[in-house]
Protein backbone atom coordinates (compact mmCIF):
# COMPACT_ATOMS: atom_id res chain seq x y z
CA MET A 1 122.78 103.75 90.71
CA ASN A 2 124.86 100.85 88.92
CA SER A 3 123.42 98.89 86.03
CA ARG A 4 122.08 95.97 87.89
CA SER A 5 119.94 98.12 90.24
CA ALA A 6 118.46 99.84 87.32
CA SER A 7 117.41 96.84 85.79
CA PHE A 8 115.63 95.69 88.90
CA ARG A 9 114.11 99.07 89.55
CA LEU A 10 112.78 99.71 85.87
CA PRO A 11 109.49 97.75 85.96
CA ALA A 12 108.66 99.11 89.31
CA ILE A 13 109.08 102.48 88.06
CA TRP A 14 106.97 101.93 84.61
CA LEU A 15 104.50 99.93 86.56
CA GLY A 16 103.73 102.99 88.56
CA LEU A 17 103.23 105.47 85.84
CA LEU A 18 99.95 106.68 84.74
CA LEU A 19 99.12 103.66 82.57
CA ALA A 20 102.05 102.12 83.37
CA ALA A 21 100.45 98.72 82.98
CA GLY A 22 101.07 98.70 79.21
CA ALA A 23 103.32 98.93 76.66
CA THR A 24 102.17 99.85 73.10
CA ILE A 25 101.66 97.17 70.50
CA ALA A 26 101.78 99.24 67.44
CA ARG A 27 102.33 102.93 67.95
CA ALA A 28 99.08 103.03 69.89
CA GLY A 29 97.15 103.11 66.74
CA PRO A 30 93.92 101.39 68.58
CA LEU A 31 94.12 104.20 71.21
CA ASP A 32 93.63 107.04 68.78
CA ALA A 33 90.70 105.58 66.69
CA GLY A 34 87.09 105.37 68.13
CA SER A 35 83.65 106.49 67.44
CA ALA A 36 80.14 106.13 69.08
CA PRO A 37 79.19 103.41 66.75
CA ALA A 38 82.23 101.36 67.14
CA LEU A 39 82.16 101.58 71.07
CA ARG A 40 78.62 100.65 71.10
CA GLU A 41 79.27 97.65 68.94
CA GLN A 42 82.23 96.59 71.39
CA HIS A 43 79.68 96.69 74.18
CA GLN A 44 77.36 94.20 72.21
CA LYS A 45 80.24 91.89 71.69
CA LEU A 46 81.28 91.87 75.07
CA ALA A 47 77.83 91.52 76.50
CA GLY A 48 78.39 87.92 77.90
CA GLN A 49 81.86 88.99 79.46
CA LEU A 50 80.28 91.84 81.02
CA SER A 51 77.34 90.08 82.61
CA GLY A 52 79.19 87.07 83.77
CA SER A 53 82.36 88.82 84.76
CA PRO A 54 84.72 87.18 87.27
CA LEU A 55 85.75 90.81 88.35
CA LYS A 56 82.74 90.93 90.46
CA ARG A 57 81.07 93.71 88.25
CA PRO A 58 80.13 94.30 84.73
CA MET A 59 84.11 94.75 83.49
CA HIS A 60 86.13 93.03 81.04
CA LEU A 61 90.03 93.43 81.05
CA GLU A 62 92.29 92.58 78.09
CA SER A 63 95.89 92.47 77.76
CA THR A 64 98.16 91.83 74.62
CA GLU A 65 101.72 91.37 74.38
CA THR A 66 103.92 91.81 71.20
CA ASP A 67 107.61 92.24 70.32
CA GLY A 68 107.10 95.95 70.55
CA GLY A 69 105.46 95.74 74.21
CA LEU A 70 102.00 95.60 75.72
CA GLN A 71 98.47 96.98 75.48
CA GLY A 72 96.03 97.17 78.10
CA ASP A 73 92.09 97.93 77.92
CA VAL A 74 89.46 97.97 80.22
CA TYR A 75 85.62 98.10 79.40
CA ALA A 76 83.24 98.67 82.18
CA VAL A 77 79.51 99.66 82.69
CA VAL A 78 79.52 102.34 85.19
CA ASP A 79 76.38 103.91 87.25
CA HIS A 80 76.85 107.23 85.74
CA PRO A 81 75.17 108.98 83.21
CA LEU A 82 77.42 110.29 80.38
CA ASP A 83 76.96 113.84 81.00
CA GLU A 84 78.05 113.35 84.44
CA VAL A 85 81.27 111.56 83.19
CA ARG A 86 81.97 114.41 80.81
CA THR A 87 81.29 117.13 83.61
CA ALA A 88 83.71 115.27 85.98
CA LEU A 89 86.55 114.72 83.34
CA ALA A 90 86.42 118.12 81.70
CA ASN A 91 89.71 119.58 82.22
CA GLY A 92 93.42 118.40 83.40
CA GLY A 93 92.78 119.68 86.75
CA GLN A 94 90.08 116.74 87.41
CA TRP A 95 92.41 114.30 85.87
CA CYS A 96 95.01 115.11 88.27
CA GLU A 97 92.61 114.63 91.24
CA MET A 98 91.46 111.42 89.71
CA LEU A 99 95.22 109.98 89.10
CA LEU A 100 96.47 110.84 92.41
CA LEU A 101 94.08 108.19 93.88
CA HIS A 102 96.68 105.72 92.43
CA ILE A 103 98.93 104.45 95.22
CA ASN A 104 102.30 105.44 93.36
CA ASN A 105 101.23 108.72 91.84
CA ARG A 106 102.22 111.48 94.36
CA ARG A 107 101.92 114.82 92.41
CA CYS A 108 100.22 116.02 89.41
CA ARG A 109 100.41 119.79 88.11
CA VAL A 110 98.43 121.20 85.25
CA SER A 111 100.19 123.88 83.15
CA LYS A 112 99.23 125.65 79.60
CA GLN A 113 101.94 125.02 76.99
CA GLY A 114 102.42 125.44 73.38
CA GLN A 115 100.82 121.89 72.51
CA GLY A 116 98.02 122.76 75.08
CA GLU A 117 96.97 121.71 78.40
CA VAL A 118 99.62 119.54 80.10
CA LEU A 119 99.67 117.39 83.02
CA THR A 120 102.92 116.49 84.72
CA LEU A 121 102.41 113.47 86.86
CA SER A 122 105.15 112.62 89.60
CA VAL A 123 105.30 108.74 90.08
CA VAL A 124 107.49 107.04 92.91
CA GLN A 125 108.89 103.53 92.59
CA ARG A 126 107.18 102.64 95.72
CA TYR A 127 104.24 104.05 97.54
CA ASP A 128 106.62 104.92 100.58
CA LYS A 129 109.22 106.92 98.67
CA PRO A 130 109.24 110.75 98.82
CA VAL A 131 108.03 112.82 95.97
CA GLU A 132 111.49 114.05 95.80
CA GLN A 133 112.59 110.79 94.49
CA ALA A 134 109.86 110.71 91.85
CA PHE A 135 110.13 110.90 88.07
CA GLU A 136 107.94 113.21 85.97
CA LEU A 137 105.82 112.46 82.99
CA PRO A 138 104.42 115.14 81.00
CA PHE A 139 101.12 114.25 79.36
CA VAL A 140 99.27 116.49 76.76
CA HIS A 141 95.58 116.37 77.56
CA ARG A 142 92.94 117.03 74.77
CA THR A 143 89.50 116.30 74.14
CA ALA A 144 89.19 114.42 70.87
CA SER A 145 85.55 114.05 70.65
CA ASN A 146 82.76 115.49 72.87
CA SER A 147 79.27 115.14 71.46
CA SER A 148 76.07 114.16 72.87
CA ASP A 149 76.59 110.38 72.54
CA TYR A 150 80.00 110.04 72.45
CA LEU A 151 83.21 111.51 74.74
CA ALA A 152 86.74 110.56 73.76
CA VAL A 153 89.74 112.14 75.85
CA ARG A 154 93.27 111.40 74.98
CA LEU A 155 96.71 111.95 77.14
CA SER A 156 99.99 111.62 75.36
CA ALA A 157 103.69 111.57 76.38
CA GLU A 158 106.31 111.35 73.89
CA SER A 159 109.06 110.10 76.38
CA GLY A 160 109.48 108.36 79.60
CA PRO A 161 112.16 106.88 81.75
CA LEU A 162 114.85 104.29 80.95
CA GLY A 163 113.90 103.14 77.63
CA THR A 164 110.07 103.90 77.57
CA SER A 165 108.16 106.16 75.12
CA ASN A 166 105.13 107.12 73.20
CA TYR A 167 102.55 106.84 75.95
CA ARG A 168 99.07 107.07 75.15
CA VAL A 169 96.07 107.11 77.32
CA SER A 170 92.49 106.95 76.23
CA LEU A 171 89.03 107.07 77.60
CA GLU A 172 86.00 106.63 75.62
CA ALA A 173 82.51 106.79 76.76
CA VAL A 174 78.68 106.22 75.32
CA PRO A 175 75.58 106.55 77.31
CA LEU A 176 73.58 103.12 78.15
CA GLY A 177 70.13 104.53 78.86
CA GLU A 178 69.58 107.47 81.00
CA ARG A 179 71.56 106.44 84.36
CA GLN A 180 74.82 104.54 82.98
CA SER A 181 77.38 104.74 80.54
CA PHE A 182 79.73 102.17 78.81
CA LEU A 183 83.50 103.21 79.23
CA HIS A 184 86.60 101.99 77.50
CA PHE A 185 89.97 102.79 79.32
CA GLY A 186 92.97 102.11 77.16
CA TYR A 187 96.67 102.77 77.51
CA SER A 188 99.91 101.87 75.98
CA TYR A 189 103.59 102.60 75.60
CA ASP A 190 106.68 101.68 73.51
CA HIS A 191 109.57 100.08 75.37
CA ASN A 192 113.12 99.26 73.81
CA MET A 193 115.37 96.18 74.44
CA MET A 194 116.74 97.64 77.82
CA ALA A 195 113.45 97.95 79.32
CA ARG A 196 112.62 94.43 77.94
CA LEU A 197 115.46 92.93 79.40
CA ALA A 198 115.06 94.84 82.69
CA THR A 199 111.43 93.48 82.93
CA LYS A 200 112.64 90.04 82.57
CA ALA A 201 115.28 90.27 85.36
CA TYR A 202 112.64 91.73 87.71
CA LEU A 203 110.02 88.96 86.83
CA ALA A 204 112.64 86.33 87.39
CA THR A 205 113.41 87.65 90.98
CA PHE A 206 111.17 90.30 92.73
CA GLY A 207 108.21 90.23 90.80
CA SER A 208 107.91 86.45 90.36
CA HIS A 209 105.04 86.16 92.89
CA LYS A 210 102.98 88.88 90.91
CA MET A 211 99.84 88.07 89.15
CA GLY A 212 97.01 89.45 86.89
CA PHE A 213 93.35 88.67 86.49
CA THR A 214 93.28 86.73 83.19
CA VAL A 215 92.56 82.98 84.21
CA VAL A 216 95.12 80.81 82.27
CA GLY A 217 94.49 77.38 83.79
CA GLN A 218 93.71 75.52 87.18
CA LYS A 219 95.79 74.49 89.87
CA PRO A 220 95.74 71.01 91.19
CA ASN A 221 93.49 71.91 94.03
CA GLY A 222 90.88 73.46 91.67
CA GLU A 223 91.58 77.02 92.18
CA PRO A 224 92.27 79.32 89.19
CA GLU A 225 95.80 79.68 87.71
CA TYR A 226 96.29 83.52 87.10
CA ILE A 227 98.59 85.12 84.45
CA ARG A 228 101.87 86.33 85.54
CA GLY A 229 104.85 87.80 83.71
CA VAL A 230 104.45 91.22 82.15
CA ARG A 231 101.03 90.77 81.30
CA GLY A 232 100.29 89.98 84.72
CA LEU A 233 101.87 93.19 85.93
CA MET A 234 100.07 95.17 83.31
CA GLU A 235 96.62 93.74 84.35
CA ARG A 236 97.28 94.75 87.86
CA ASN A 237 98.02 98.30 87.29
CA ALA A 238 95.36 98.62 84.64
CA MET A 239 92.78 97.50 87.22
CA ARG A 240 94.60 100.26 89.70
CA TYR A 241 93.91 102.95 87.28
CA PHE A 242 90.50 102.05 86.34
CA LEU A 243 89.74 102.07 90.07
CA THR A 244 90.91 105.60 90.16
CA LEU A 245 88.19 106.71 87.57
CA ASP A 246 85.57 104.85 89.22
CA ALA A 247 86.07 106.04 92.65
CA TYR A 248 86.45 109.71 91.38
CA LEU A 249 83.11 109.32 89.73
CA ASP A 250 81.65 107.75 92.65
CA GLY A 251 82.75 110.61 94.85
CA LEU A 252 80.50 113.18 92.65
CA ASP A 253 77.56 112.69 95.11
CA ALA A 254 79.31 113.78 98.22
CA ALA A 255 79.48 117.36 99.15
CA PRO A 256 82.70 119.12 97.67
CA ALA A 257 84.41 119.17 100.92
CA GLU A 258 83.96 115.59 101.40
CA ARG A 259 84.81 114.28 97.94
CA ALA A 260 88.48 113.67 98.36
CA GLU A 261 88.14 111.48 101.54
CA LYS A 262 85.12 109.72 100.02
CA ARG A 263 87.23 109.05 96.84
CA LEU A 264 90.07 107.82 98.74
CA HIS A 265 88.23 105.39 100.71
CA ALA A 266 86.22 104.29 97.79
CA TRP A 267 89.55 103.54 95.98
CA PHE A 268 91.01 101.46 98.70
CA GLU A 269 87.95 99.34 99.22
CA GLU A 270 87.51 98.54 95.77
CA ALA A 271 91.20 97.45 95.34
CA GLU A 272 91.14 95.40 98.39
CA ARG A 273 88.12 93.24 96.71
CA TYR A 274 91.18 91.81 94.70
CA PRO A 275 93.69 90.97 97.45
CA ARG A 276 95.75 88.52 95.50
CA GLN A 277 96.57 91.04 92.77
CA LEU A 278 96.23 94.33 94.46
CA HIS A 279 96.75 94.42 98.27
CA GLU A 280 99.92 96.31 99.18
CA ILE A 281 99.17 98.44 102.31
CA ASP A 282 96.64 98.89 105.03
CA LEU A 283 94.23 101.73 104.70
CA ALA A 284 95.66 103.69 107.50
CA THR A 285 99.05 103.88 105.79
CA TYR A 286 97.41 104.72 102.37
CA LEU A 287 95.48 107.53 103.62
CA GLU A 288 98.50 108.73 105.62
CA HIS A 289 100.30 109.35 102.49
CA LYS A 290 97.60 110.53 100.45
CA ARG A 291 96.44 113.28 103.17
CA ALA A 292 100.16 114.28 103.38
CA ASP A 293 100.21 114.68 99.63
CA ARG A 294 97.37 117.16 99.81
CA ARG A 295 98.41 119.13 102.67
CA ARG A 296 101.85 119.71 100.63
CA ASP A 297 100.38 120.67 97.55
CA GLY A 298 96.82 121.58 98.17
CA PRO A 299 93.75 120.54 96.51
CA LYS A 300 93.55 120.40 92.69
CA PRO A 301 91.10 122.82 91.06
């Protein structure tokens, strides 16, 4: 691969990562700190945005760019009690099953290593690329807090492809009454100058049409003008990853043998609610690839 092709391929690669929608702002500090009171306070602060969300559900998406990169955060109310969320995401195998709903994630394996449970995620540049062309990201999985009123799970990977590093994923949840939970899904990573230049090259060419969810203005015809650039790309993938979590939880009420199919359909249907940002392929093609992956590797524990 020559340097020019590498420059154009890099953003597609890191935007296909587990949380490849964001680069870190400051060594992922905010992702490592959290508590039940802090998350409840955040829920109160976002009450207006959640109730009147343009995302068609009680959800709020934030993205921030700095010289060091980007950070993405999704906050949402889900119709699942905290105990259900806790049980559904108790181990790395369940996280793998969830993450494989994403269109670009083709394989996920769990192993026990010195630092604990490790999830090795295989990510392809495009959904139609074979898993043999995927790159791998090893994420250390740990439960940071697991109390009656607060759940916090962290994933971390120290290095990534082509100038990216210090990947951090954070899931926090607190109960809202007996039937709902408030979730915070955060992610970040560092990138160096090579990654930043590659991103700019991509956005100036192949990625110029891509947009996110934040409204930054209004077009002459009155339609909203959505954010573009790296934050737009990050927000697209942020939503995709949140929808993996949402679809995984929604599959819990199906019989065990039917959960995988229900989750696939749920992920695709929810993504299609945002066609401007998320439409890539049709349902039949998505199911074909995901079913083939399951036949190849078998169901996760």
